[in-house]
N, C-alpha and C. Protein backbone atom coordinates (compact mmCIF):
# COMPACT_ATOMS: atom_id res chain seq x y z
N MET A 1 0.84 -1.18 0.00
CA MET A 1 0.00 0.00 0.00
C MET A 1 0.89 1.24 0.00
N ALA A 2 0.46 2.27 -0.70
CA ALA A 2 1.21 3.53 -0.78
C ALA A 2 1.29 4.17 0.60
N ASP A 3 2.29 5.02 0.79
CA ASP A 3 2.43 5.73 2.05
C ASP A 3 1.18 6.58 2.27
N VAL A 4 0.58 6.43 3.43
CA VAL A 4 -0.68 7.08 3.75
C VAL A 4 -0.53 8.58 3.99
N LEU A 5 0.55 8.99 4.64
CA LEU A 5 0.65 10.37 5.10
C LEU A 5 0.63 11.43 4.00
N PRO A 6 1.30 11.23 2.84
CA PRO A 6 1.15 12.24 1.79
C PRO A 6 -0.29 12.39 1.31
N LEU A 7 -1.03 11.29 1.27
CA LEU A 7 -2.44 11.34 0.88
C LEU A 7 -3.27 12.10 1.92
N VAL A 8 -2.96 11.85 3.19
CA VAL A 8 -3.67 12.52 4.28
C VAL A 8 -3.39 14.02 4.23
N GLU A 9 -2.11 14.38 4.06
CA GLU A 9 -1.77 15.81 4.01
C GLU A 9 -2.43 16.48 2.80
N ALA A 10 -2.48 15.79 1.67
CA ALA A 10 -3.14 16.35 0.49
C ALA A 10 -4.62 16.58 0.76
N ARG A 11 -5.27 15.65 1.45
CA ARG A 11 -6.70 15.82 1.78
C ARG A 11 -6.90 17.01 2.71
N LEU A 12 -6.01 17.16 3.70
CA LEU A 12 -6.11 18.31 4.61
C LEU A 12 -5.93 19.62 3.85
N ARG A 13 -4.96 19.66 2.93
CA ARG A 13 -4.72 20.89 2.16
C ARG A 13 -5.91 21.22 1.26
N THR A 14 -6.51 20.20 0.68
CA THR A 14 -7.68 20.41 -0.17
C THR A 14 -8.84 21.00 0.63
N ALA A 15 -9.04 20.49 1.85
CA ALA A 15 -10.16 20.93 2.67
C ALA A 15 -9.90 22.23 3.41
N LEU A 16 -8.66 22.45 3.86
CA LEU A 16 -8.37 23.55 4.78
C LEU A 16 -7.43 24.61 4.21
N GLY A 17 -6.84 24.35 3.04
CA GLY A 17 -5.88 25.30 2.47
C GLY A 17 -4.45 24.95 2.86
N GLU A 18 -3.57 25.91 2.67
CA GLU A 18 -2.16 25.68 2.99
C GLU A 18 -1.91 25.91 4.48
N PRO A 19 -1.19 25.01 5.14
CA PRO A 19 -0.88 25.25 6.55
C PRO A 19 0.09 26.42 6.68
N ASP A 20 -0.10 27.22 7.72
CA ASP A 20 0.81 28.35 7.94
C ASP A 20 1.84 28.04 9.01
N ALA A 21 1.75 26.88 9.63
CA ALA A 21 2.76 26.44 10.59
C ALA A 21 2.61 24.94 10.79
N ARG A 22 3.72 24.32 11.22
CA ARG A 22 3.68 22.89 11.55
C ARG A 22 4.73 22.61 12.60
N ALA A 23 4.43 21.65 13.44
CA ALA A 23 5.37 21.25 14.49
C ALA A 23 5.35 19.73 14.56
N ALA A 24 6.46 19.16 14.97
CA ALA A 24 6.56 17.70 15.07
C ALA A 24 6.94 17.31 16.49
N VAL A 25 6.34 16.23 16.96
CA VAL A 25 6.64 15.69 18.28
C VAL A 25 6.86 14.19 18.12
N THR A 26 7.90 13.69 18.77
CA THR A 26 8.14 12.25 18.77
C THR A 26 8.20 11.79 20.21
N PHE A 27 7.44 10.76 20.52
CA PHE A 27 7.45 10.16 21.85
C PHE A 27 8.21 8.86 21.76
N LEU A 28 8.89 8.50 22.81
CA LEU A 28 9.69 7.29 22.84
C LEU A 28 8.84 6.09 22.41
N GLY A 29 9.31 5.37 21.40
CA GLY A 29 8.62 4.17 20.95
C GLY A 29 7.44 4.40 20.04
N THR A 30 7.24 5.63 19.56
CA THR A 30 6.11 5.90 18.67
C THR A 30 6.60 6.55 17.38
N ASP A 31 5.72 6.55 16.39
CA ASP A 31 6.01 7.26 15.15
C ASP A 31 5.88 8.76 15.40
N ARG A 32 6.51 9.53 14.55
CA ARG A 32 6.48 10.99 14.64
C ARG A 32 5.05 11.49 14.37
N ILE A 33 4.60 12.43 15.18
CA ILE A 33 3.30 13.07 15.00
C ILE A 33 3.54 14.53 14.68
N GLU A 34 2.95 15.01 13.61
CA GLU A 34 3.02 16.43 13.29
C GLU A 34 1.66 17.05 13.56
N VAL A 35 1.68 18.34 13.87
CA VAL A 35 0.44 19.11 14.00
C VAL A 35 0.56 20.28 13.03
N LEU A 36 -0.40 20.38 12.12
CA LEU A 36 -0.43 21.46 11.14
C LEU A 36 -1.44 22.50 11.58
N ARG A 37 -1.11 23.77 11.38
CA ARG A 37 -2.03 24.85 11.73
C ARG A 37 -2.51 25.53 10.44
N PHE A 38 -3.82 25.69 10.35
CA PHE A 38 -4.46 26.35 9.22
C PHE A 38 -5.24 27.54 9.75
N THR A 39 -5.02 28.71 9.20
CA THR A 39 -5.76 29.90 9.63
C THR A 39 -6.76 30.26 8.55
N ASP A 40 -8.01 30.45 8.98
CA ASP A 40 -9.10 30.78 8.06
C ASP A 40 -9.91 31.90 8.68
N GLY A 41 -9.56 33.15 8.35
CA GLY A 41 -10.25 34.29 8.95
C GLY A 41 -9.97 34.33 10.45
N ASP A 42 -11.05 34.32 11.25
CA ASP A 42 -10.84 34.36 12.70
C ASP A 42 -10.77 32.96 13.32
N LEU A 43 -10.73 31.92 12.48
CA LEU A 43 -10.62 30.55 12.98
C LEU A 43 -9.22 30.00 12.75
N VAL A 44 -8.77 29.22 13.71
CA VAL A 44 -7.52 28.48 13.57
C VAL A 44 -7.88 27.01 13.71
N ARG A 45 -7.40 26.22 12.78
CA ARG A 45 -7.64 24.77 12.82
C ARG A 45 -6.30 24.07 12.97
N TYR A 46 -6.27 23.14 13.90
CA TYR A 46 -5.08 22.33 14.13
C TYR A 46 -5.42 20.91 13.73
N ALA A 47 -4.59 20.31 12.89
CA ALA A 47 -4.84 18.94 12.43
C ALA A 47 -3.59 18.10 12.65
N THR A 48 -3.78 16.91 13.16
CA THR A 48 -2.65 16.00 13.36
C THR A 48 -2.31 15.32 12.04
N LEU A 49 -1.07 14.91 11.93
CA LEU A 49 -0.60 14.18 10.76
C LEU A 49 0.39 13.13 11.26
N GLY A 50 0.01 11.87 11.16
CA GLY A 50 0.87 10.79 11.63
C GLY A 50 0.11 9.72 12.39
N MET A 51 -1.01 10.10 12.98
CA MET A 51 -1.83 9.13 13.73
C MET A 51 -2.34 8.02 12.81
N SER A 52 -2.63 8.37 11.56
CA SER A 52 -3.23 7.41 10.62
C SER A 52 -2.20 6.50 9.94
N LEU A 53 -0.93 6.68 10.24
CA LEU A 53 0.11 5.86 9.61
C LEU A 53 -0.12 4.38 9.87
N GLN A 54 -0.51 4.06 11.09
CA GLN A 54 -0.82 2.67 11.48
C GLN A 54 -2.29 2.58 11.86
N PRO A 55 -2.95 1.47 11.55
CA PRO A 55 -4.34 1.33 12.01
C PRO A 55 -4.38 1.17 13.53
N MET A 56 -5.45 1.67 14.13
CA MET A 56 -5.63 1.49 15.58
C MET A 56 -6.03 0.05 15.83
N ALA A 57 -5.43 -0.55 16.83
CA ALA A 57 -5.68 -1.97 17.11
C ALA A 57 -6.51 -2.12 18.37
N ASP A 58 -7.36 -3.12 18.36
CA ASP A 58 -8.13 -3.48 19.54
C ASP A 58 -7.13 -3.89 20.63
N PRO A 59 -7.17 -3.24 21.80
CA PRO A 59 -6.18 -3.56 22.83
C PRO A 59 -6.27 -5.00 23.34
N THR A 60 -7.40 -5.68 23.08
CA THR A 60 -7.54 -7.06 23.54
C THR A 60 -7.06 -8.07 22.49
N ALA A 61 -6.72 -7.60 21.29
CA ALA A 61 -6.27 -8.52 20.23
C ALA A 61 -4.86 -9.03 20.53
N MET A 62 -4.63 -10.28 20.19
CA MET A 62 -3.31 -10.88 20.42
C MET A 62 -2.26 -10.26 19.50
N LEU A 63 -2.65 -10.03 18.23
CA LEU A 63 -1.74 -9.43 17.25
C LEU A 63 -2.44 -8.27 16.57
N ALA A 64 -1.71 -7.21 16.35
CA ALA A 64 -2.28 -6.06 15.64
C ALA A 64 -2.13 -6.29 14.14
N ASP A 65 -3.23 -6.09 13.40
CA ASP A 65 -3.19 -6.21 11.94
C ASP A 65 -2.48 -4.97 11.38
N PRO A 66 -1.45 -5.14 10.54
CA PRO A 66 -0.72 -3.99 10.03
C PRO A 66 -1.47 -3.19 8.96
N VAL A 67 -2.59 -3.73 8.45
CA VAL A 67 -3.33 -3.05 7.38
C VAL A 67 -4.75 -2.70 7.79
N LYS A 68 -5.49 -3.68 8.30
CA LYS A 68 -6.90 -3.46 8.66
C LYS A 68 -7.02 -2.79 10.02
N GLY A 69 -8.09 -2.05 10.17
CA GLY A 69 -8.37 -1.38 11.43
C GLY A 69 -8.62 0.09 11.19
N PRO A 70 -9.31 0.73 12.12
CA PRO A 70 -9.64 2.14 11.94
C PRO A 70 -8.40 3.03 11.93
N ARG A 71 -8.45 4.05 11.08
CA ARG A 71 -7.37 5.05 11.01
C ARG A 71 -8.02 6.42 11.16
N ALA A 72 -7.31 7.31 11.82
CA ALA A 72 -7.88 8.64 12.03
C ALA A 72 -6.80 9.68 12.21
N GLU A 73 -7.20 10.92 11.99
CA GLU A 73 -6.43 12.11 12.37
C GLU A 73 -7.40 13.00 13.14
N LEU A 74 -6.86 13.90 13.96
CA LEU A 74 -7.67 14.75 14.82
C LEU A 74 -7.65 16.19 14.32
N VAL A 75 -8.79 16.87 14.42
CA VAL A 75 -8.89 18.26 13.97
C VAL A 75 -9.57 19.07 15.08
N LEU A 76 -8.91 20.15 15.49
CA LEU A 76 -9.44 21.06 16.51
C LEU A 76 -9.58 22.44 15.90
N SER A 77 -10.77 23.04 16.06
CA SER A 77 -11.04 24.39 15.53
C SER A 77 -11.35 25.33 16.68
N VAL A 78 -10.63 26.47 16.73
CA VAL A 78 -10.86 27.48 17.77
C VAL A 78 -10.80 28.87 17.16
N ARG A 79 -11.41 29.83 17.86
CA ARG A 79 -11.34 31.22 17.42
C ARG A 79 -9.96 31.78 17.74
N HIS A 80 -9.44 32.55 16.81
CA HIS A 80 -8.10 33.09 16.91
C HIS A 80 -8.07 34.32 17.81
N GLY A 81 -7.02 34.45 18.61
CA GLY A 81 -6.75 35.70 19.30
C GLY A 81 -7.16 35.80 20.75
N ALA A 82 -8.14 35.05 21.21
CA ALA A 82 -8.62 35.18 22.59
C ALA A 82 -7.74 34.45 23.59
N ALA A 83 -6.92 33.52 23.12
CA ALA A 83 -6.04 32.73 24.00
C ALA A 83 -4.84 32.26 23.18
N ASP A 84 -3.81 31.83 23.89
CA ASP A 84 -2.59 31.34 23.23
C ASP A 84 -2.80 29.86 22.84
N THR A 85 -3.68 29.64 21.87
CA THR A 85 -4.05 28.28 21.51
C THR A 85 -2.94 27.52 20.78
N ASP A 86 -1.89 28.20 20.32
CA ASP A 86 -0.80 27.48 19.68
C ASP A 86 -0.09 26.53 20.65
N LYS A 87 -0.30 26.73 21.94
CA LYS A 87 0.30 25.81 22.93
C LYS A 87 -0.42 24.46 22.95
N VAL A 88 -1.48 24.31 22.14
CA VAL A 88 -2.22 23.04 22.07
C VAL A 88 -1.46 22.00 21.24
N LEU A 89 -0.39 22.38 20.59
CA LEU A 89 0.32 21.46 19.69
C LEU A 89 0.77 20.19 20.40
N ARG A 90 1.42 20.33 21.55
CA ARG A 90 1.89 19.14 22.26
C ARG A 90 0.73 18.29 22.79
N PRO A 91 -0.28 18.90 23.47
CA PRO A 91 -1.42 18.07 23.89
C PRO A 91 -2.10 17.33 22.73
N LEU A 92 -2.22 17.99 21.58
CA LEU A 92 -2.81 17.30 20.42
C LEU A 92 -1.95 16.13 19.97
N ALA A 93 -0.64 16.32 19.96
CA ALA A 93 0.26 15.22 19.59
C ALA A 93 0.15 14.08 20.59
N VAL A 94 0.00 14.40 21.87
CA VAL A 94 -0.19 13.36 22.89
C VAL A 94 -1.45 12.56 22.60
N LEU A 95 -2.55 13.25 22.29
CA LEU A 95 -3.80 12.56 21.97
C LEU A 95 -3.65 11.69 20.72
N ALA A 96 -2.95 12.21 19.72
CA ALA A 96 -2.77 11.46 18.47
C ALA A 96 -1.88 10.24 18.67
N ALA A 97 -0.98 10.29 19.65
CA ALA A 97 -0.10 9.15 19.92
C ALA A 97 -0.76 8.12 20.82
N SER A 98 -1.90 8.44 21.43
CA SER A 98 -2.51 7.53 22.41
C SER A 98 -2.85 6.15 21.85
N PRO A 99 -3.24 5.99 20.58
CA PRO A 99 -3.45 4.62 20.09
C PRO A 99 -2.17 3.78 20.13
N GLN A 100 -1.02 4.39 19.81
CA GLN A 100 0.24 3.65 19.86
C GLN A 100 0.73 3.44 21.28
N VAL A 101 0.58 4.46 22.12
CA VAL A 101 1.12 4.40 23.47
C VAL A 101 0.23 3.59 24.41
N GLU A 102 -1.08 3.84 24.35
CA GLU A 102 -2.00 3.23 25.30
C GLU A 102 -2.86 2.13 24.70
N GLY A 103 -2.80 1.94 23.39
CA GLY A 103 -3.60 0.91 22.76
C GLY A 103 -5.08 1.24 22.70
N VAL A 104 -5.43 2.52 22.71
CA VAL A 104 -6.85 2.89 22.64
C VAL A 104 -7.27 3.07 21.18
N VAL A 105 -8.53 2.83 20.93
CA VAL A 105 -9.11 3.10 19.62
C VAL A 105 -9.94 4.38 19.77
N VAL A 106 -9.52 5.43 19.08
CA VAL A 106 -10.20 6.73 19.16
C VAL A 106 -11.38 6.70 18.19
N ALA A 107 -12.58 6.93 18.73
CA ALA A 107 -13.79 6.85 17.92
C ALA A 107 -14.77 7.94 18.38
N PRO A 108 -15.73 8.31 17.52
CA PRO A 108 -16.71 9.32 17.91
C PRO A 108 -17.42 8.93 19.21
N GLY A 109 -17.64 9.93 20.05
CA GLY A 109 -18.28 9.71 21.35
C GLY A 109 -17.30 9.50 22.48
N ALA A 110 -16.03 9.25 22.15
CA ALA A 110 -15.01 9.02 23.18
C ALA A 110 -14.57 10.34 23.80
N SER A 111 -14.12 10.24 25.04
CA SER A 111 -13.48 11.37 25.72
C SER A 111 -11.99 11.09 25.77
N LEU A 112 -11.19 12.10 25.49
CA LEU A 112 -9.74 12.00 25.60
C LEU A 112 -9.28 13.09 26.55
N ASP A 113 -8.43 12.74 27.50
CA ASP A 113 -7.99 13.69 28.51
C ASP A 113 -6.48 13.75 28.53
N VAL A 114 -5.92 14.97 28.56
CA VAL A 114 -4.46 15.13 28.63
C VAL A 114 -4.00 15.43 30.05
N GLY A 115 -4.93 15.66 30.99
CA GLY A 115 -4.56 15.86 32.38
C GLY A 115 -4.00 17.23 32.71
N GLU A 116 -4.01 18.14 31.76
CA GLU A 116 -3.56 19.51 31.97
C GLU A 116 -4.31 20.40 30.98
N PRO A 117 -4.32 21.70 31.20
CA PRO A 117 -5.04 22.58 30.26
C PRO A 117 -4.52 22.41 28.83
N LEU A 118 -5.44 22.45 27.88
CA LEU A 118 -5.04 22.30 26.47
C LEU A 118 -4.15 23.44 26.01
N TRP A 119 -4.31 24.63 26.59
CA TRP A 119 -3.45 25.78 26.34
C TRP A 119 -3.48 26.61 27.62
N PRO A 120 -2.55 27.56 27.79
CA PRO A 120 -2.48 28.32 29.04
C PRO A 120 -3.80 29.01 29.37
N GLY A 121 -4.25 28.80 30.61
CA GLY A 121 -5.48 29.42 31.08
C GLY A 121 -6.76 28.73 30.65
N ALA A 122 -6.66 27.68 29.84
CA ALA A 122 -7.87 26.99 29.36
C ALA A 122 -8.56 26.24 30.49
N LEU A 123 -9.89 26.22 30.45
CA LEU A 123 -10.67 25.42 31.39
C LEU A 123 -10.79 23.97 30.91
N PHE A 124 -10.23 23.69 29.74
CA PHE A 124 -10.39 22.38 29.11
C PHE A 124 -9.13 21.53 29.30
N THR A 125 -9.32 20.31 29.81
CA THR A 125 -8.23 19.33 29.86
C THR A 125 -8.57 18.12 29.00
N SER A 126 -9.80 18.09 28.52
CA SER A 126 -10.23 16.94 27.73
C SER A 126 -11.05 17.41 26.53
N VAL A 127 -11.27 16.47 25.62
CA VAL A 127 -12.05 16.75 24.42
C VAL A 127 -13.04 15.61 24.19
N LEU A 128 -14.13 15.95 23.53
CA LEU A 128 -15.09 14.96 23.06
C LEU A 128 -14.80 14.74 21.58
N VAL A 129 -14.69 13.49 21.17
CA VAL A 129 -14.45 13.17 19.77
C VAL A 129 -15.79 13.15 19.04
N ALA A 130 -15.91 13.97 17.99
CA ALA A 130 -17.15 14.08 17.23
C ALA A 130 -17.08 13.22 15.97
N GLU A 131 -18.19 13.16 15.25
CA GLU A 131 -18.28 12.37 14.02
C GLU A 131 -17.46 13.01 12.90
N SER A 132 -16.87 12.18 12.07
CA SER A 132 -16.10 12.67 10.93
C SER A 132 -17.02 12.96 9.75
N GLY A 133 -16.42 13.53 8.69
CA GLY A 133 -17.14 13.69 7.44
C GLY A 133 -17.66 15.09 7.18
N GLY A 134 -17.60 15.98 8.16
CA GLY A 134 -18.11 17.32 7.94
C GLY A 134 -17.10 18.25 7.31
N LEU A 135 -16.11 18.63 8.09
CA LEU A 135 -15.10 19.60 7.65
C LEU A 135 -14.14 19.00 6.62
N VAL A 136 -13.64 17.81 6.93
CA VAL A 136 -12.70 17.12 6.04
C VAL A 136 -13.28 15.74 5.74
N GLU A 137 -13.50 15.47 4.46
CA GLU A 137 -14.08 14.17 4.07
C GLU A 137 -13.14 13.03 4.40
N ASP A 138 -13.72 11.87 4.74
CA ASP A 138 -12.92 10.67 4.95
C ASP A 138 -12.08 10.38 3.71
N LEU A 139 -10.91 9.81 3.92
CA LEU A 139 -10.00 9.48 2.82
C LEU A 139 -10.02 7.97 2.61
N GLU A 140 -10.57 7.55 1.48
CA GLU A 140 -10.61 6.13 1.15
C GLU A 140 -9.20 5.65 0.79
N LEU A 141 -8.82 4.48 1.30
CA LEU A 141 -7.53 3.86 0.99
C LEU A 141 -7.79 2.58 0.21
N ASP A 142 -6.75 2.05 -0.42
CA ASP A 142 -6.88 0.79 -1.15
C ASP A 142 -7.29 -0.32 -0.19
N ALA A 143 -8.21 -1.19 -0.64
CA ALA A 143 -8.64 -2.34 0.16
C ALA A 143 -7.42 -3.22 0.42
N PRO A 144 -7.35 -3.85 1.56
CA PRO A 144 -8.37 -3.97 2.62
C PRO A 144 -8.27 -2.90 3.71
N ALA A 145 -7.49 -1.84 3.50
CA ALA A 145 -7.33 -0.82 4.54
C ALA A 145 -8.61 -0.03 4.74
N ASP A 146 -8.87 0.32 6.00
CA ASP A 146 -10.01 1.17 6.34
C ASP A 146 -9.71 2.60 5.91
N PRO A 147 -10.74 3.42 5.69
CA PRO A 147 -10.50 4.83 5.35
C PRO A 147 -9.92 5.60 6.53
N VAL A 148 -9.26 6.70 6.23
CA VAL A 148 -8.80 7.61 7.27
C VAL A 148 -9.94 8.57 7.57
N ARG A 149 -10.30 8.65 8.84
CA ARG A 149 -11.38 9.56 9.27
C ARG A 149 -10.75 10.76 9.96
N PHE A 150 -11.25 11.94 9.67
CA PHE A 150 -10.77 13.18 10.27
C PHE A 150 -11.76 13.56 11.36
N LEU A 151 -11.39 13.29 12.60
CA LEU A 151 -12.30 13.41 13.73
C LEU A 151 -12.19 14.78 14.40
N PRO A 152 -13.28 15.57 14.40
CA PRO A 152 -13.27 16.85 15.10
C PRO A 152 -13.19 16.63 16.61
N LEU A 153 -12.47 17.51 17.29
CA LEU A 153 -12.36 17.48 18.74
C LEU A 153 -13.10 18.67 19.32
N LEU A 154 -13.94 18.43 20.33
CA LEU A 154 -14.72 19.47 20.98
C LEU A 154 -14.22 19.60 22.42
N PRO A 155 -13.56 20.72 22.76
CA PRO A 155 -13.03 20.88 24.12
C PRO A 155 -14.14 20.82 25.17
N MET A 156 -13.85 20.12 26.28
CA MET A 156 -14.79 19.99 27.39
C MET A 156 -14.16 20.51 28.67
N THR A 157 -14.96 21.20 29.48
CA THR A 157 -14.52 21.56 30.82
C THR A 157 -14.57 20.29 31.68
N ALA A 158 -13.98 20.35 32.87
CA ALA A 158 -14.01 19.19 33.78
C ALA A 158 -15.44 18.81 34.13
N ASN A 159 -16.30 19.83 34.37
CA ASN A 159 -17.70 19.55 34.71
C ASN A 159 -18.43 18.90 33.55
N GLU A 160 -18.17 19.38 32.33
CA GLU A 160 -18.81 18.79 31.16
C GLU A 160 -18.35 17.35 30.96
N ALA A 161 -17.07 17.09 31.16
CA ALA A 161 -16.54 15.73 31.00
C ALA A 161 -17.17 14.79 32.02
N ALA A 162 -17.31 15.26 33.27
CA ALA A 162 -17.94 14.43 34.30
C ALA A 162 -19.41 14.18 33.96
N TRP A 163 -20.11 15.21 33.50
CA TRP A 163 -21.53 15.09 33.13
C TRP A 163 -21.68 14.13 31.96
N LYS A 164 -20.76 14.21 31.01
CA LYS A 164 -20.80 13.32 29.83
C LYS A 164 -20.62 11.86 30.24
N ARG A 165 -19.75 11.60 31.24
CA ARG A 165 -19.55 10.21 31.69
C ARG A 165 -20.85 9.61 32.22
N VAL A 166 -21.69 10.44 32.84
CA VAL A 166 -22.95 9.96 33.41
C VAL A 166 -24.05 9.90 32.36
N HIS A 167 -24.17 10.95 31.54
CA HIS A 167 -25.31 11.09 30.64
C HIS A 167 -25.03 10.72 29.17
N GLY A 168 -23.76 10.64 28.80
CA GLY A 168 -23.41 10.25 27.43
C GLY A 168 -23.08 11.44 26.54
N ALA A 169 -22.38 11.14 25.45
CA ALA A 169 -21.92 12.16 24.51
C ALA A 169 -23.08 12.86 23.83
N GLN A 170 -24.10 12.12 23.43
CA GLN A 170 -25.24 12.71 22.73
C GLN A 170 -25.95 13.73 23.60
N ALA A 171 -26.13 13.40 24.88
CA ALA A 171 -26.81 14.31 25.80
C ALA A 171 -26.01 15.60 25.99
N LEU A 172 -24.70 15.49 26.06
CA LEU A 172 -23.87 16.69 26.21
C LEU A 172 -23.94 17.54 24.94
N GLN A 173 -23.89 16.91 23.79
CA GLN A 173 -23.98 17.68 22.54
C GLN A 173 -25.33 18.38 22.43
N GLU A 174 -26.39 17.71 22.86
CA GLU A 174 -27.72 18.34 22.84
C GLU A 174 -27.77 19.53 23.79
N ARG A 175 -27.12 19.42 24.95
CA ARG A 175 -27.09 20.52 25.91
C ARG A 175 -26.33 21.71 25.32
N TRP A 176 -25.20 21.45 24.67
CA TRP A 176 -24.45 22.52 24.01
C TRP A 176 -25.33 23.22 22.97
N LEU A 177 -26.04 22.41 22.18
CA LEU A 177 -26.90 22.96 21.12
C LEU A 177 -28.04 23.80 21.72
N THR A 178 -28.69 23.27 22.74
CA THR A 178 -29.80 23.96 23.39
C THR A 178 -29.38 25.32 23.93
N HIS A 179 -28.17 25.41 24.47
CA HIS A 179 -27.69 26.65 25.08
C HIS A 179 -26.90 27.52 24.10
N GLY A 180 -26.82 27.10 22.83
CA GLY A 180 -26.10 27.89 21.83
C GLY A 180 -24.63 28.06 22.14
N THR A 181 -24.01 27.03 22.69
CA THR A 181 -22.61 27.09 23.11
C THR A 181 -21.69 27.22 21.91
N ASP A 182 -20.80 28.20 21.95
CA ASP A 182 -19.79 28.37 20.90
C ASP A 182 -18.60 27.49 21.26
N LEU A 183 -18.56 26.30 20.69
CA LEU A 183 -17.51 25.33 21.02
C LEU A 183 -16.15 25.75 20.48
N ARG A 184 -16.11 26.79 19.66
CA ARG A 184 -14.83 27.27 19.14
C ARG A 184 -14.25 28.40 19.98
N ASP A 185 -14.99 28.82 21.00
CA ASP A 185 -14.53 29.90 21.88
C ASP A 185 -13.50 29.32 22.86
N PRO A 186 -12.22 29.74 22.75
CA PRO A 186 -11.18 29.15 23.60
C PRO A 186 -11.24 29.58 25.06
N VAL A 187 -12.09 30.57 25.39
CA VAL A 187 -12.20 31.02 26.78
C VAL A 187 -13.63 30.85 27.32
N ARG A 188 -14.42 30.00 26.66
CA ARG A 188 -15.81 29.83 27.10
C ARG A 188 -15.86 29.14 28.46
N LYS A 189 -16.99 29.35 29.13
CA LYS A 189 -17.24 28.69 30.41
C LYS A 189 -18.03 27.41 30.15
N SER A 190 -18.22 26.62 31.18
CA SER A 190 -19.01 25.39 31.08
C SER A 190 -20.47 25.71 30.77
N VAL A 191 -21.09 24.85 29.98
CA VAL A 191 -22.52 24.98 29.72
C VAL A 191 -23.28 24.67 31.00
N PRO A 192 -24.43 25.32 31.27
CA PRO A 192 -25.21 24.98 32.46
C PRO A 192 -25.60 23.49 32.46
N LEU A 193 -25.36 22.81 33.58
CA LEU A 193 -25.55 21.36 33.61
C LEU A 193 -26.60 20.93 34.64
N ASP A 194 -27.35 21.88 35.22
CA ASP A 194 -28.36 21.48 36.21
C ASP A 194 -29.72 21.27 35.59
C-alpha cells in the first residue's frame, strides 16, 4: 500500500488550504506526529498528521493487523486571538499518539484527557471526539485498509466531562446545542448542567 501520510496531508490541504505552521513531536517508541495549523479568517484549525500511519488496534487482540483497522487524524477548531491556543500542539500530539502508546481506539463519542489545560489558562483538559465527514471528508484507501477519518475534537470543561460520563456524549452535545454554546470559543465557560 502507498504511504498514507502524503495522501492525508493532500486531503487536509484540499479541505483547509495551505498550513501556515507545523510542528513535530516524537514520543519514545512511537512514530512521529506532526500538527499542522491552518488559519481561516478568525478561525484556527489544528490537524494531526501521523496518527493514521498505522491502524488502531483493539487492545484485547493478540496481534495487531498492520493493514486493517480504523485510522484517524484529529482536527481542533478554535477562534483566533482570545487565547494562546498554539500551545495546544503538544497536547494534540499526545492525543494522536494515544493509540500507539496506550492501545486505545479513538472513535466518535469518546473522551480523551491530557490531564492539563489544552493551552495556558484553558478550562479544558479533555475533548469529546465528534463524528467525521463534515469539515474534512474521509479518505478512502486501497482495500483492505479502512479509510482515514478526520475526527473533530470538541473541548470539554471538567464539569462537562464528568456530566458526559454519566449522561453520554449525545446528551452533552444536545445541551451545548440547546444553550447555543460556541464550542470554538477558547475562553468559554461550562454549559449549564443542572
